Amino acid sequence: MIATLESKLKAAYQHGHMDFLAGSPCDPKTALAVYSNLSEEDKKLIAESWIDGWHNESLRQSLLEGTPA
């Protein structure tokens, strides 16, 4: 189960990146819609991973454009 959760966390993180690039707002409910059968603690981890991916891509894009982070 740990490997499965780890894979889901990595996927959520990457989807956060992609969702930012697609212009989606920072709304972790997007990732939770895919993983509705998890425990509340696992859902929290998935949401945090998605947010981290979204924020990291946002930061990376702002640095590429030369704006202060």
Protein backbone atom coordinates (compact mmCIF):
# COMPACT_ATOMS: atom_id res chain seq x y z
CA MET A 1 0.00 0.00 0.00
CA ILE A 2 2.88 2.39 0.70
CA ALA A 3 4.19 2.11 -2.87
CA THR A 4 0.68 2.78 -4.16
CA LEU A 5 0.26 5.89 -2.01
CA GLU A 6 3.73 7.07 -2.99
CA SER A 7 2.83 6.70 -6.67
CA LYS A 8 -0.40 8.62 -6.13
CA LEU A 9 1.47 11.42 -4.36
CA LYS A 10 3.95 11.69 -7.23
CA ALA A 11 1.12 11.72 -9.76
CA ALA A 12 -0.76 14.41 -7.81
CA TYR A 13 2.41 16.52 -7.66
CA GLN A 14 2.90 16.24 -11.42
CA HIS A 15 -0.76 17.01 -12.06
CA GLY A 16 -0.36 20.17 -9.97
CA HIS A 17 2.42 21.21 -12.35
CA MET A 18 0.32 20.44 -15.41
CA ASP A 19 -2.79 22.10 -14.03
CA PHE A 20 -0.86 25.31 -13.40
CA LEU A 21 0.45 25.27 -16.97
CA ALA A 22 -3.10 24.69 -18.23
CA GLY A 23 -4.26 27.81 -16.40
CA SER A 24 -6.20 26.06 -13.66
CA PRO A 25 -6.67 27.87 -10.36
CA CYS A 26 -4.99 26.47 -7.26
CA ASP A 27 -7.78 24.11 -6.23
CA PRO A 28 -6.65 20.74 -4.83
CA LYS A 29 -10.19 19.37 -5.18
CA THR A 30 -9.15 18.61 -8.75
CA ALA A 31 -6.80 15.86 -7.57
CA LEU A 32 -9.21 14.61 -4.91
CA ALA A 33 -11.89 13.91 -7.50
CA VAL A 34 -9.65 11.17 -8.87
CA TYR A 35 -8.87 9.61 -5.49
CA SER A 36 -12.25 9.54 -3.78
CA ASN A 37 -11.76 6.13 -2.14
CA LEU A 38 -8.84 7.12 0.13
CA SER A 39 -8.84 7.76 3.85
CA GLU A 40 -9.11 11.36 5.01
CA GLU A 41 -5.40 11.41 5.94
CA ASP A 42 -4.41 10.12 2.50
CA LYS A 43 -6.69 12.68 0.83
CA LYS A 44 -4.95 15.40 2.82
CA LEU A 45 -1.55 14.14 1.62
CA ILE A 46 -2.76 14.02 -2.00
CA ALA A 47 -4.11 17.58 -1.77
CA GLU A 48 -0.85 18.84 -0.25
CA SER A 49 1.17 17.13 -2.97
CA TRP A 50 -0.98 18.67 -5.71
CA ILE A 51 -0.64 22.11 -4.11
CA ASP A 52 3.14 21.69 -3.87
CA GLY A 53 3.31 20.85 -7.58
CA TRP A 54 1.09 23.81 -8.50
CA HIS A 55 3.05 26.26 -6.35
CA ASN A 56 6.45 24.97 -7.49
CA GLU A 57 5.50 25.38 -11.14
CA SER A 58 4.14 28.84 -10.38
CA LEU A 59 7.42 29.78 -8.75
CA ARG A 60 9.45 28.29 -11.58
CA GLN A 61 7.46 30.26 -14.15
CA SER A 62 7.86 33.51 -12.22
CA LEU A 63 11.62 32.98 -12.02
CA LEU A 64 11.81 32.30 -15.76
CA GLU A 65 9.97 35.56 -16.45
CA GLY A 66 12.41 37.43 -14.23
CA THR A 67 9.89 38.50 -11.60
CA PRO A 68 10.91 38.24 -7.98
CA ALA A 69 9.76 35.14 -6.15
